[in-house]
């Protein structure tokens, strides 16, 4: 049986897609239940840069993950090939909604859409949700870089619900630990495994695993 495919997509740049993809991959790989692969479709190559740093930190054979790069049009083929022997394949897409993103969304079992709790991010979310709907791919919004201001987050959540978007219960806070760990080729699950950020990442990973029916 083939593994599941998760695409992380958002039209707006700077939404934290790469950080989210890396943390989900490591959290689910740490469970030991199945191998996890990453596919970087973003021409900026941020996920690839992170993975190179990870190879330097842990050694090429000890990253705990499989990594590939792909063009936008090749994402479907690459992801489905990896899914033959990986329980989960995560695709990091570029910040736009054109031909580079559609194949990744079409190939996915679920599209994860990171949204910072700002009106600008929310405006950009609808187009990604619409593409997923046209491709008949389920989508979920996850709040990312959530500030301590609970009132602002509550306002955005209310608007998300009003738009009919499905939203994850788990969310990631606006923590410098996330960026710091990424710069080392790691995640907060490895730099501060007992910290609040790691707890948030594990909760989100568990919710995604449930949504994808991962054993």
N, C-alpha and C. Protein backbone atom coordinates (compact mmCIF):
# COMPACT_ATOMS: atom_id res chain seq x y z
N UNK A 1 0.85 -1.20 0.00
CA UNK A 1 0.00 0.00 0.00
C UNK A 1 0.88 1.25 0.00
N UNK A 2 0.56 2.21 -0.84
CA UNK A 2 1.34 3.43 -0.94
C UNK A 2 1.16 4.30 0.29
N UNK A 3 2.20 5.11 0.56
CA UNK A 3 2.11 6.05 1.66
C UNK A 3 1.24 7.24 1.30
N UNK A 4 1.10 8.13 2.24
CA UNK A 4 0.27 9.31 2.07
C UNK A 4 1.14 10.49 1.64
N UNK A 5 0.50 11.47 0.99
CA UNK A 5 1.22 12.65 0.50
C UNK A 5 0.57 13.90 1.08
N UNK A 6 1.40 14.74 1.69
CA UNK A 6 0.96 16.00 2.28
C UNK A 6 1.67 17.14 1.57
N UNK A 7 0.92 18.09 1.02
CA UNK A 7 1.51 19.28 0.41
C UNK A 7 1.31 20.47 1.33
N UNK A 8 2.38 21.22 1.55
CA UNK A 8 2.31 22.44 2.35
C UNK A 8 2.31 23.60 1.37
N UNK A 9 1.22 24.34 1.32
CA UNK A 9 1.05 25.36 0.27
C UNK A 9 0.43 26.63 0.85
N UNK A 10 0.85 27.76 0.30
CA UNK A 10 0.29 29.06 0.66
C UNK A 10 0.77 30.07 -0.37
N UNK A 11 -0.16 30.83 -0.93
CA UNK A 11 0.20 31.81 -1.95
C UNK A 11 1.16 32.87 -1.41
N UNK A 12 0.95 33.31 -0.20
CA UNK A 12 1.75 34.39 0.36
C UNK A 12 3.11 33.87 0.83
N UNK A 13 4.16 34.58 0.47
CA UNK A 13 5.49 34.23 0.95
C UNK A 13 5.65 34.58 2.42
N UNK A 14 6.61 33.95 3.07
CA UNK A 14 6.89 34.25 4.47
C UNK A 14 5.89 33.69 5.45
N UNK A 15 5.11 32.70 5.02
CA UNK A 15 4.09 32.13 5.91
C UNK A 15 4.65 31.04 6.81
N UNK A 16 5.89 30.62 6.56
CA UNK A 16 6.49 29.58 7.40
C UNK A 16 6.30 28.18 6.87
N UNK A 17 6.09 28.04 5.57
CA UNK A 17 5.85 26.71 4.98
C UNK A 17 7.02 25.76 5.23
N UNK A 18 8.23 26.23 4.97
CA UNK A 18 9.39 25.35 5.09
C UNK A 18 9.61 24.91 6.53
N UNK A 19 9.48 25.82 7.46
CA UNK A 19 9.63 25.47 8.87
C UNK A 19 8.57 24.45 9.28
N UNK A 20 7.37 24.66 8.81
CA UNK A 20 6.28 23.73 9.12
C UNK A 20 6.56 22.35 8.53
N UNK A 21 6.98 22.31 7.27
CA UNK A 21 7.25 21.03 6.61
C UNK A 21 8.36 20.27 7.33
N UNK A 22 9.43 20.96 7.68
CA UNK A 22 10.56 20.31 8.36
C UNK A 22 10.16 19.77 9.72
N UNK A 23 9.41 20.55 10.48
CA UNK A 23 9.02 20.10 11.82
C UNK A 23 8.03 18.94 11.78
N UNK A 24 7.11 18.97 10.84
CA UNK A 24 6.19 17.84 10.70
C UNK A 24 6.96 16.58 10.32
N UNK A 25 7.91 16.72 9.39
CA UNK A 25 8.68 15.56 8.94
C UNK A 25 9.46 14.93 10.08
N UNK A 26 10.15 15.75 10.85
CA UNK A 26 10.95 15.22 11.95
C UNK A 26 10.07 14.64 13.04
N UNK A 27 8.99 15.33 13.38
CA UNK A 27 8.10 14.82 14.43
C UNK A 27 7.53 13.45 14.07
N UNK A 28 7.12 13.28 12.83
CA UNK A 28 6.53 12.01 12.42
C UNK A 28 7.60 10.94 12.20
N UNK A 29 8.79 11.33 11.76
CA UNK A 29 9.87 10.36 11.62
C UNK A 29 10.32 9.85 12.99
N UNK A 30 10.29 10.72 13.99
CA UNK A 30 10.70 10.32 15.34
C UNK A 30 9.77 9.27 15.94
N UNK A 31 8.56 9.19 15.44
CA UNK A 31 7.63 8.18 15.95
C UNK A 31 8.12 6.77 15.62
N UNK A 32 8.91 6.67 14.55
CA UNK A 32 9.45 5.38 14.15
C UNK A 32 8.45 4.46 13.48
N UNK A 33 7.24 4.95 13.23
CA UNK A 33 6.19 4.10 12.67
C UNK A 33 6.37 3.87 11.18
N UNK A 34 6.99 4.82 10.48
CA UNK A 34 7.15 4.72 9.03
C UNK A 34 8.21 5.71 8.58
N UNK A 35 8.87 5.44 7.44
CA UNK A 35 9.85 6.39 6.90
C UNK A 35 9.16 7.61 6.30
N UNK A 36 9.82 8.75 6.38
CA UNK A 36 9.27 10.02 5.91
C UNK A 36 10.20 10.63 4.86
N UNK A 37 9.62 11.17 3.80
CA UNK A 37 10.39 11.82 2.74
C UNK A 37 9.92 13.27 2.56
N UNK A 38 10.85 14.12 2.13
CA UNK A 38 10.56 15.51 1.82
C UNK A 38 10.87 15.79 0.36
N UNK A 39 10.02 16.58 -0.29
CA UNK A 39 10.25 17.01 -1.67
C UNK A 39 10.20 18.53 -1.70
N UNK A 40 11.28 19.16 -2.16
CA UNK A 40 11.35 20.62 -2.25
C UNK A 40 11.05 21.05 -3.68
N UNK A 41 9.93 21.74 -3.87
CA UNK A 41 9.52 22.23 -5.18
C UNK A 41 9.80 23.73 -5.31
N UNK A 42 10.07 24.39 -4.19
CA UNK A 42 10.28 25.83 -4.18
C UNK A 42 11.65 26.18 -4.80
N UNK A 43 11.69 26.98 -5.87
CA UNK A 43 12.97 27.35 -6.50
C UNK A 43 13.93 28.05 -5.54
N UNK A 44 13.43 28.66 -4.48
CA UNK A 44 14.31 29.30 -3.50
C UNK A 44 15.17 28.28 -2.78
N UNK A 45 14.68 27.04 -2.69
CA UNK A 45 15.48 25.96 -2.13
C UNK A 45 15.75 26.04 -0.65
N UNK A 46 14.90 26.69 0.11
CA UNK A 46 15.15 26.82 1.55
C UNK A 46 15.16 25.47 2.26
N UNK A 47 14.26 24.59 1.86
CA UNK A 47 14.23 23.27 2.50
C UNK A 47 15.49 22.48 2.16
N UNK A 48 15.98 22.62 0.93
CA UNK A 48 17.22 21.96 0.54
C UNK A 48 18.41 22.48 1.32
N UNK A 49 18.45 23.79 1.55
CA UNK A 49 19.53 24.38 2.34
C UNK A 49 19.49 23.85 3.76
N UNK A 50 18.28 23.76 4.32
CA UNK A 50 18.12 23.19 5.66
C UNK A 50 18.60 21.74 5.69
N UNK A 51 18.26 20.96 4.67
CA UNK A 51 18.63 19.55 4.67
C UNK A 51 20.14 19.39 4.54
N UNK A 52 20.79 20.25 3.76
CA UNK A 52 22.25 20.20 3.66
C UNK A 52 22.88 20.47 5.03
N UNK A 53 22.34 21.46 5.74
CA UNK A 53 22.84 21.74 7.09
C UNK A 53 22.58 20.55 8.01
N UNK A 54 21.48 19.87 7.78
CA UNK A 54 21.14 18.69 8.59
C UNK A 54 22.15 17.56 8.34
N UNK A 55 22.53 17.37 7.09
CA UNK A 55 23.53 16.36 6.77
C UNK A 55 24.86 16.66 7.46
N UNK A 56 25.21 17.94 7.52
CA UNK A 56 26.45 18.33 8.20
C UNK A 56 26.34 18.11 9.71
N UNK A 57 25.16 18.34 10.25
CA UNK A 57 24.97 18.20 11.70
C UNK A 57 24.92 16.74 12.15
N UNK A 58 24.26 15.89 11.36
CA UNK A 58 24.03 14.51 11.78
C UNK A 58 24.81 13.48 10.97
N UNK A 59 25.32 13.87 9.80
CA UNK A 59 25.93 12.92 8.89
C UNK A 59 24.92 12.55 7.81
N UNK A 60 25.40 12.29 6.61
CA UNK A 60 24.51 12.06 5.47
C UNK A 60 23.58 10.87 5.67
N UNK A 61 24.00 9.88 6.43
CA UNK A 61 23.18 8.68 6.61
C UNK A 61 22.33 8.72 7.88
N UNK A 62 22.41 9.81 8.63
CA UNK A 62 21.73 9.86 9.93
C UNK A 62 20.73 11.01 10.03
N UNK A 63 20.24 11.50 8.90
CA UNK A 63 19.29 12.61 8.95
C UNK A 63 17.91 12.17 9.41
N UNK A 64 17.61 10.88 9.24
CA UNK A 64 16.29 10.37 9.61
C UNK A 64 15.23 10.61 8.56
N UNK A 65 15.62 11.21 7.43
CA UNK A 65 14.66 11.58 6.39
C UNK A 65 15.24 11.29 5.00
N UNK A 66 14.34 11.13 4.03
CA UNK A 66 14.74 11.10 2.62
C UNK A 66 14.42 12.47 2.02
N UNK A 67 15.31 12.98 1.18
CA UNK A 67 15.09 14.31 0.60
C UNK A 67 15.28 14.28 -0.91
N UNK A 68 14.38 14.96 -1.62
CA UNK A 68 14.48 15.11 -3.06
C UNK A 68 14.08 16.53 -3.44
N UNK A 69 14.58 17.00 -4.59
CA UNK A 69 14.11 18.25 -5.18
C UNK A 69 13.35 17.90 -6.45
N UNK A 70 12.48 18.82 -6.87
CA UNK A 70 11.69 18.57 -8.07
C UNK A 70 11.24 19.89 -8.66
N UNK A 71 11.01 19.87 -9.96
CA UNK A 71 10.34 21.00 -10.61
C UNK A 71 8.87 20.93 -10.21
N UNK A 72 8.15 22.01 -10.47
CA UNK A 72 6.72 22.01 -10.16
C UNK A 72 5.98 20.91 -10.89
N UNK A 73 6.21 20.80 -12.19
CA UNK A 73 5.47 19.82 -12.98
C UNK A 73 5.86 18.39 -12.62
N UNK A 74 7.06 18.20 -12.06
CA UNK A 74 7.51 16.86 -11.71
C UNK A 74 7.14 16.43 -10.31
N UNK A 75 6.49 17.30 -9.54
CA UNK A 75 6.20 17.00 -8.14
C UNK A 75 5.31 15.78 -7.98
N UNK A 76 4.31 15.67 -8.85
CA UNK A 76 3.38 14.54 -8.75
C UNK A 76 4.12 13.22 -8.91
N UNK A 77 4.92 13.13 -9.95
CA UNK A 77 5.65 11.89 -10.23
C UNK A 77 6.63 11.56 -9.09
N UNK A 78 7.38 12.57 -8.65
CA UNK A 78 8.38 12.35 -7.60
C UNK A 78 7.72 11.91 -6.29
N UNK A 79 6.65 12.58 -5.91
CA UNK A 79 5.98 12.25 -4.65
C UNK A 79 5.38 10.85 -4.69
N UNK A 80 4.74 10.52 -5.79
CA UNK A 80 4.12 9.20 -5.88
C UNK A 80 5.16 8.09 -5.93
N UNK A 81 6.31 8.37 -6.52
CA UNK A 81 7.39 7.39 -6.53
C UNK A 81 7.91 7.15 -5.11
N UNK A 82 8.11 8.22 -4.36
CA UNK A 82 8.59 8.10 -2.99
C UNK A 82 7.56 7.42 -2.09
N UNK A 83 6.29 7.64 -2.38
CA UNK A 83 5.23 7.06 -1.55
C UNK A 83 5.18 5.54 -1.62
N UNK A 84 5.86 4.97 -2.59
CA UNK A 84 5.88 3.50 -2.69
C UNK A 84 6.60 2.86 -1.51
N UNK A 85 7.60 3.56 -0.96
CA UNK A 85 8.33 2.98 0.16
C UNK A 85 8.52 3.95 1.33
N UNK A 86 7.65 4.95 1.41
CA UNK A 86 7.62 5.85 2.56
C UNK A 86 6.18 5.98 3.05
N UNK A 87 6.01 6.01 4.35
CA UNK A 87 4.67 6.15 4.89
C UNK A 87 4.09 7.53 4.66
N UNK A 88 4.97 8.54 4.57
CA UNK A 88 4.52 9.92 4.34
C UNK A 88 5.53 10.66 3.48
N UNK A 89 5.01 11.39 2.50
CA UNK A 89 5.81 12.28 1.66
C UNK A 89 5.27 13.69 1.86
N UNK A 90 6.14 14.63 2.22
CA UNK A 90 5.74 16.02 2.43
C UNK A 90 6.35 16.88 1.33
N UNK A 91 5.51 17.64 0.63
CA UNK A 91 5.96 18.51 -0.45
C UNK A 91 5.94 19.96 0.02
N UNK A 92 7.08 20.64 -0.09
CA UNK A 92 7.16 22.07 0.21
C UNK A 92 7.05 22.83 -1.10
N UNK A 93 5.99 23.61 -1.26
CA UNK A 93 5.70 24.27 -2.53
C UNK A 93 6.14 25.73 -2.53
N UNK A 94 6.27 26.35 -3.71
CA UNK A 94 6.62 27.76 -3.79
C UNK A 94 5.43 28.65 -3.42
N UNK A 95 5.70 29.90 -3.03
CA UNK A 95 4.63 30.80 -2.60
C UNK A 95 3.89 31.43 -3.77
N UNK A 96 3.16 30.62 -4.51
CA UNK A 96 2.33 31.12 -5.60
C UNK A 96 1.31 30.04 -5.96
N UNK A 97 0.31 30.40 -6.73
CA UNK A 97 -0.75 29.45 -7.06
C UNK A 97 -0.86 29.32 -8.57
N UNK A 98 0.17 28.75 -9.19
CA UNK A 98 0.13 28.58 -10.63
C UNK A 98 0.52 27.15 -10.96
N UNK A 99 1.05 26.94 -12.15
CA UNK A 99 1.36 25.58 -12.60
C UNK A 99 2.41 24.89 -11.75
N UNK A 100 3.23 25.65 -11.01
CA UNK A 100 4.24 25.03 -10.15
C UNK A 100 3.62 24.40 -8.90
N UNK A 101 2.43 24.84 -8.54
CA UNK A 101 1.80 24.38 -7.31
C UNK A 101 0.73 23.32 -7.56
N UNK A 102 0.02 23.45 -8.65
CA UNK A 102 -1.11 22.56 -8.92
C UNK A 102 -0.75 21.07 -8.90
N UNK A 103 0.36 20.64 -9.55
CA UNK A 103 0.68 19.21 -9.51
C UNK A 103 0.89 18.69 -8.09
N UNK A 104 1.49 19.51 -7.23
CA UNK A 104 1.72 19.10 -5.84
C UNK A 104 0.40 18.97 -5.09
N UNK A 105 -0.53 19.87 -5.37
CA UNK A 105 -1.84 19.80 -4.73
C UNK A 105 -2.64 18.63 -5.27
N UNK A 106 -2.55 18.41 -6.57
CA UNK A 106 -3.27 17.29 -7.18
C UNK A 106 -2.78 15.95 -6.63
N UNK A 107 -1.48 15.84 -6.40
CA UNK A 107 -0.90 14.58 -5.93
C UNK A 107 -1.21 14.30 -4.47
N UNK A 108 -1.56 15.33 -3.72
CA UNK A 108 -1.67 15.21 -2.26
C UNK A 108 -2.98 14.56 -1.81
N UNK A 109 -2.87 13.92 -0.65
CA UNK A 109 -4.06 13.45 0.06
C UNK A 109 -4.62 14.56 0.94
N UNK A 110 -3.73 15.50 1.31
CA UNK A 110 -4.13 16.62 2.16
C UNK A 110 -3.21 17.80 1.87
N UNK A 111 -3.79 19.00 1.83
CA UNK A 111 -3.01 20.23 1.69
C UNK A 111 -3.04 20.97 3.02
N UNK A 112 -1.87 21.25 3.55
CA UNK A 112 -1.74 22.02 4.78
C UNK A 112 -1.41 23.45 4.42
N UNK A 113 -2.21 24.40 4.92
CA UNK A 113 -2.05 25.81 4.55
C UNK A 113 -1.68 26.62 5.79
N UNK A 114 -0.41 26.99 5.95
CA UNK A 114 -0.02 27.80 7.10
C UNK A 114 -0.50 29.24 6.95
N UNK A 115 -1.05 29.77 8.03
CA UNK A 115 -1.58 31.14 8.02
C UNK A 115 -1.13 31.84 9.29
N UNK A 116 -0.41 32.94 9.13
CA UNK A 116 -0.15 33.78 10.29
C UNK A 116 -1.44 34.53 10.62
N UNK A 117 -1.68 34.79 11.90
CA UNK A 117 -2.94 35.44 12.27
C UNK A 117 -2.97 36.92 11.90
N UNK A 118 -2.95 37.18 10.59
CA UNK A 118 -3.06 38.54 10.07
C UNK A 118 -4.08 38.53 8.93
N UNK A 119 -4.67 39.66 8.69
CA UNK A 119 -5.67 39.75 7.63
C UNK A 119 -5.05 39.49 6.26
N UNK A 120 -3.81 39.95 6.05
CA UNK A 120 -3.15 39.78 4.76
C UNK A 120 -2.95 38.30 4.46
N UNK A 121 -2.52 37.54 5.45
CA UNK A 121 -2.35 36.09 5.25
C UNK A 121 -3.68 35.43 4.93
N UNK A 122 -4.70 35.84 5.64
CA UNK A 122 -6.01 35.24 5.43
C UNK A 122 -6.54 35.52 4.03
N UNK A 123 -6.31 36.73 3.53
CA UNK A 123 -6.75 37.06 2.16
C UNK A 123 -6.11 36.12 1.14
N UNK A 124 -4.85 35.75 1.37
CA UNK A 124 -4.13 34.91 0.41
C UNK A 124 -4.53 33.45 0.49
N UNK A 125 -5.23 33.07 1.54
CA UNK A 125 -5.52 31.66 1.78
C UNK A 125 -6.61 31.12 0.87
N UNK A 126 -7.58 31.94 0.55
CA UNK A 126 -8.73 31.49 -0.22
C UNK A 126 -8.37 30.86 -1.55
N UNK A 127 -7.38 31.42 -2.25
CA UNK A 127 -7.01 30.88 -3.57
C UNK A 127 -6.44 29.47 -3.46
N UNK A 128 -5.64 29.23 -2.41
CA UNK A 128 -5.09 27.88 -2.22
C UNK A 128 -6.19 26.89 -1.89
N UNK A 129 -7.13 27.31 -1.06
CA UNK A 129 -8.26 26.44 -0.72
C UNK A 129 -9.07 26.13 -1.97
N UNK A 130 -9.26 27.13 -2.83
CA UNK A 130 -10.04 26.92 -4.06
C UNK A 130 -9.35 25.94 -5.00
N UNK A 131 -8.04 26.05 -5.14
CA UNK A 131 -7.31 25.11 -6.01
C UNK A 131 -7.45 23.70 -5.46
N UNK A 132 -7.29 23.55 -4.15
CA UNK A 132 -7.43 22.22 -3.54
C UNK A 132 -8.83 21.66 -3.80
N UNK A 133 -9.83 22.51 -3.69
CA UNK A 133 -11.21 22.06 -3.92
C UNK A 133 -11.40 21.61 -5.37
N UNK A 134 -10.83 22.36 -6.31
CA UNK A 134 -10.95 21.99 -7.72
C UNK A 134 -10.25 20.66 -8.01
N UNK A 135 -9.16 20.40 -7.30
CA UNK A 135 -8.43 19.15 -7.48
C UNK A 135 -8.99 18.03 -6.60
N UNK A 136 -10.06 18.35 -5.86
CA UNK A 136 -10.71 17.39 -4.96
C UNK A 136 -9.73 16.86 -3.91
N UNK A 137 -8.92 17.77 -3.40
CA UNK A 137 -7.97 17.45 -2.35
C UNK A 137 -8.39 18.15 -1.07
N UNK A 138 -8.45 17.42 0.03
CA UNK A 138 -8.81 18.02 1.31
C UNK A 138 -7.76 19.03 1.73
N UNK A 139 -8.18 20.06 2.45
CA UNK A 139 -7.23 21.08 2.92
C UNK A 139 -7.53 21.45 4.36
N UNK A 140 -6.47 21.83 5.08
CA UNK A 140 -6.60 22.28 6.46
C UNK A 140 -5.71 23.50 6.66
N UNK A 141 -6.24 24.48 7.36
CA UNK A 141 -5.48 25.68 7.71
C UNK A 141 -4.84 25.46 9.08
N UNK A 142 -3.57 25.83 9.20
CA UNK A 142 -2.91 25.78 10.51
C UNK A 142 -2.37 27.16 10.84
N UNK A 143 -2.70 27.65 12.01
CA UNK A 143 -2.19 28.95 12.44
C UNK A 143 -0.71 28.80 12.80
N UNK A 144 0.11 29.68 12.24
CA UNK A 144 1.56 29.62 12.42
C UNK A 144 2.05 30.97 12.92
N UNK A 145 3.14 30.93 13.68
CA UNK A 145 3.72 32.16 14.25
C UNK A 145 2.66 32.95 15.02
N UNK A 146 1.95 32.25 15.85
CA UNK A 146 0.86 32.87 16.61
C UNK A 146 1.45 33.70 17.75
N UNK A 147 1.12 35.00 17.82
CA UNK A 147 1.63 35.86 18.89
C UNK A 147 0.86 35.66 20.18
N UNK A 148 1.37 36.19 21.29
CA UNK A 148 0.67 36.04 22.57
C UNK A 148 -0.69 36.72 22.61
N UNK A 149 -0.95 37.65 21.69
CA UNK A 149 -2.21 38.39 21.71
C UNK A 149 -3.38 37.48 21.35
N UNK A 150 -4.04 36.95 22.34
CA UNK A 150 -5.13 36.00 22.12
C UNK A 150 -6.29 36.63 21.37
N UNK A 151 -6.52 37.93 21.59
CA UNK A 151 -7.66 38.59 20.96
C UNK A 151 -7.51 38.60 19.44
N UNK A 152 -6.30 38.89 18.96
CA UNK A 152 -6.06 38.92 17.52
C UNK A 152 -6.27 37.54 16.92
N UNK A 153 -5.74 36.51 17.57
CA UNK A 153 -5.90 35.14 17.08
C UNK A 153 -7.36 34.75 17.04
N UNK A 154 -8.12 35.13 18.06
CA UNK A 154 -9.54 34.80 18.12
C UNK A 154 -10.29 35.45 16.96
N UNK A 155 -9.92 36.68 16.61
CA UNK A 155 -10.57 37.37 15.50
C UNK A 155 -10.32 36.64 14.18
N UNK A 156 -9.08 36.21 13.97
CA UNK A 156 -8.74 35.50 12.73
C UNK A 156 -9.44 34.15 12.68
N UNK A 157 -9.48 33.45 13.81
CA UNK A 157 -10.16 32.16 13.86
C UNK A 157 -11.64 32.30 13.53
N UNK A 158 -12.24 33.37 14.02
CA UNK A 158 -13.65 33.62 13.73
C UNK A 158 -13.87 33.85 12.23
N UNK A 159 -12.96 34.58 11.62
CA UNK A 159 -13.10 34.84 10.18
C UNK A 159 -12.83 33.58 9.36
N UNK A 160 -11.86 32.77 9.80
CA UNK A 160 -11.59 31.50 9.12
C UNK A 160 -12.83 30.62 9.14
N UNK A 161 -13.45 30.54 10.31
CA UNK A 161 -14.67 29.73 10.44
C UNK A 161 -15.77 30.28 9.54
N UNK A 162 -15.85 31.62 9.46
CA UNK A 162 -16.87 32.23 8.62
C UNK A 162 -16.67 31.95 7.15
N UNK A 163 -15.42 31.71 6.75
CA UNK A 163 -15.12 31.38 5.36
C UNK A 163 -15.31 29.90 5.06
N UNK A 164 -15.57 29.13 6.09
CA UNK A 164 -15.80 27.70 5.89
C UNK A 164 -14.54 26.87 5.77
N UNK A 165 -13.38 27.44 6.14
CA UNK A 165 -12.13 26.69 6.07
C UNK A 165 -12.02 25.74 7.25
N UNK A 166 -11.47 24.56 7.01
CA UNK A 166 -11.19 23.64 8.11
C UNK A 166 -9.88 24.04 8.76
N UNK A 167 -9.86 24.17 10.08
CA UNK A 167 -8.67 24.65 10.77
C UNK A 167 -8.19 23.63 11.79
N UNK A 168 -6.89 23.47 11.89
CA UNK A 168 -6.30 22.55 12.87
C UNK A 168 -6.50 23.10 14.28
N UNK A 169 -6.70 22.20 15.22
CA UNK A 169 -6.76 22.62 16.62
C UNK A 169 -5.37 23.02 17.11
N UNK A 170 -4.35 22.29 16.66
CA UNK A 170 -2.97 22.60 17.04
C UNK A 170 -2.47 23.81 16.26
N UNK A 171 -1.51 24.51 16.84
CA UNK A 171 -0.93 25.68 16.18
C UNK A 171 0.50 25.87 16.66
N UNK A 172 1.29 26.63 15.92
CA UNK A 172 2.66 26.91 16.30
C UNK A 172 2.79 28.38 16.72
N UNK A 173 3.44 28.61 17.85
CA UNK A 173 3.60 29.96 18.35
C UNK A 173 4.72 30.72 17.66
N UNK A 174 4.76 32.01 17.89
CA UNK A 174 5.79 32.87 17.31
C UNK A 174 7.03 32.79 18.20
N UNK A 175 7.85 31.76 17.98
CA UNK A 175 8.98 31.47 18.85
C UNK A 175 10.29 31.54 18.06
N UNK A 176 11.27 32.24 18.62
CA UNK A 176 12.57 32.33 17.97
C UNK A 176 13.25 30.97 17.89
N UNK A 177 12.86 30.05 18.76
CA UNK A 177 13.47 28.72 18.79
C UNK A 177 13.28 27.98 17.47
N UNK A 178 12.16 28.21 16.79
CA UNK A 178 11.91 27.54 15.51
C UNK A 178 12.96 27.95 14.48
N UNK A 179 13.15 29.26 14.31
CA UNK A 179 14.12 29.75 13.33
C UNK A 179 15.54 29.37 13.71
N UNK A 180 15.86 29.44 15.00
CA UNK A 180 17.21 29.10 15.45
C UNK A 180 17.54 27.65 15.16
N UNK A 181 16.60 26.77 15.39
CA UNK A 181 16.85 25.34 15.15
C UNK A 181 17.00 25.06 13.66
N UNK A 182 16.20 25.73 12.83
CA UNK A 182 16.29 25.52 11.38
C UNK A 182 17.66 25.93 10.86
N UNK A 183 18.24 26.98 11.41
CA UNK A 183 19.55 27.44 10.98
C UNK A 183 20.65 26.43 11.24
N UNK A 184 20.40 25.49 12.14
CA UNK A 184 21.37 24.44 12.46
C UNK A 184 21.09 23.14 11.72
N UNK A 185 20.08 23.15 10.85
CA UNK A 185 19.71 21.91 10.17
C UNK A 185 18.92 20.98 11.08
N UNK A 186 18.32 21.55 12.09
CA UNK A 186 17.57 20.75 13.07
C UNK A 186 16.16 21.32 13.22
N UNK A 187 15.45 20.82 14.22
CA UNK A 187 14.14 21.35 14.59
C UNK A 187 14.14 21.50 16.11
N UNK A 188 13.13 22.17 16.64
CA UNK A 188 13.05 22.31 18.09
C UNK A 188 12.87 20.97 18.77
N UNK A 189 12.43 19.97 18.03
CA UNK A 189 12.30 18.63 18.59
C UNK A 189 13.66 18.04 18.94
N UNK A 190 14.71 18.61 18.36
CA UNK A 190 16.07 18.12 18.62
C UNK A 190 16.89 19.10 19.45
N UNK A 191 16.57 20.38 19.38
CA UNK A 191 17.34 21.37 20.14
C UNK A 191 16.73 21.66 21.51
N UNK A 192 15.44 21.43 21.66
CA UNK A 192 14.76 21.68 22.94
C UNK A 192 13.54 20.77 23.01
N UNK A 193 13.80 19.48 23.14
CA UNK A 193 12.74 18.48 23.02
C UNK A 193 11.64 18.61 24.06
N UNK A 194 11.94 19.24 25.18
CA UNK A 194 10.94 19.39 26.24
C UNK A 194 10.31 20.79 26.26
N UNK A 195 10.69 21.62 25.31
CA UNK A 195 10.19 22.98 25.27
C UNK A 195 8.78 23.09 24.70
N UNK A 196 8.23 24.28 24.81
CA UNK A 196 6.87 24.54 24.35
C UNK A 196 6.76 24.36 22.83
N UNK A 197 7.77 24.81 22.09
CA UNK A 197 7.73 24.67 20.63
C UNK A 197 7.67 23.22 20.20
N UNK A 198 8.47 22.37 20.85
CA UNK A 198 8.46 20.94 20.52
C UNK A 198 7.11 20.32 20.84
N UNK A 199 6.52 20.75 21.95
CA UNK A 199 5.19 20.25 22.31
C UNK A 199 4.16 20.63 21.24
N UNK A 200 4.24 21.87 20.77
CA UNK A 200 3.32 22.32 19.72
C UNK A 200 3.51 21.51 18.44
N UNK A 201 4.77 21.27 18.07
CA UNK A 201 5.06 20.52 16.84
C UNK A 201 4.53 19.09 16.94
N UNK A 202 4.70 18.47 18.09
CA UNK A 202 4.20 17.10 18.27
C UNK A 202 2.68 17.05 18.21
N UNK A 203 2.03 18.03 18.81
CA UNK A 203 0.56 18.06 18.77
C UNK A 203 0.06 18.21 17.34
N UNK A 204 0.70 19.09 16.58
CA UNK A 204 0.29 19.28 15.18
C UNK A 204 0.54 18.01 14.37
N UNK A 205 1.69 17.39 14.58
CA UNK A 205 2.01 16.16 13.85
C UNK A 205 0.99 15.07 14.15
N UNK A 206 0.57 14.96 15.40
CA UNK A 206 -0.42 13.95 15.78
C UNK A 206 -1.76 14.23 15.10
N UNK A 207 -2.12 15.50 15.00
CA UNK A 207 -3.39 15.85 14.36
C UNK A 207 -3.34 15.55 12.86
N UNK A 208 -2.21 15.83 12.23
CA UNK A 208 -2.07 15.55 10.80
C UNK A 208 -2.05 14.05 10.55
N UNK A 209 -1.37 13.31 11.41
CA UNK A 209 -1.33 11.85 11.27
C UNK A 209 -2.74 11.27 11.34
N UNK A 210 -3.54 11.81 12.23
CA UNK A 210 -4.92 11.34 12.36
C UNK A 210 -5.72 11.69 11.11
N UNK A 211 -5.54 12.90 10.59
CA UNK A 211 -6.28 13.33 9.40
C UNK A 211 -5.92 12.48 8.18
N UNK A 212 -4.68 12.00 8.14
CA UNK A 212 -4.22 11.19 7.01
C UNK A 212 -4.36 9.69 7.25
N UNK A 213 -4.90 9.34 8.42
CA UNK A 213 -5.06 7.92 8.77
C UNK A 213 -3.74 7.17 8.73
N UNK A 214 -2.70 7.81 9.27
CA UNK A 214 -1.39 7.19 9.33
C UNK A 214 -1.31 6.27 10.54
N UNK A 215 -0.82 5.07 10.33
CA UNK A 215 -0.74 4.11 11.43
C UNK A 215 0.45 4.37 12.33
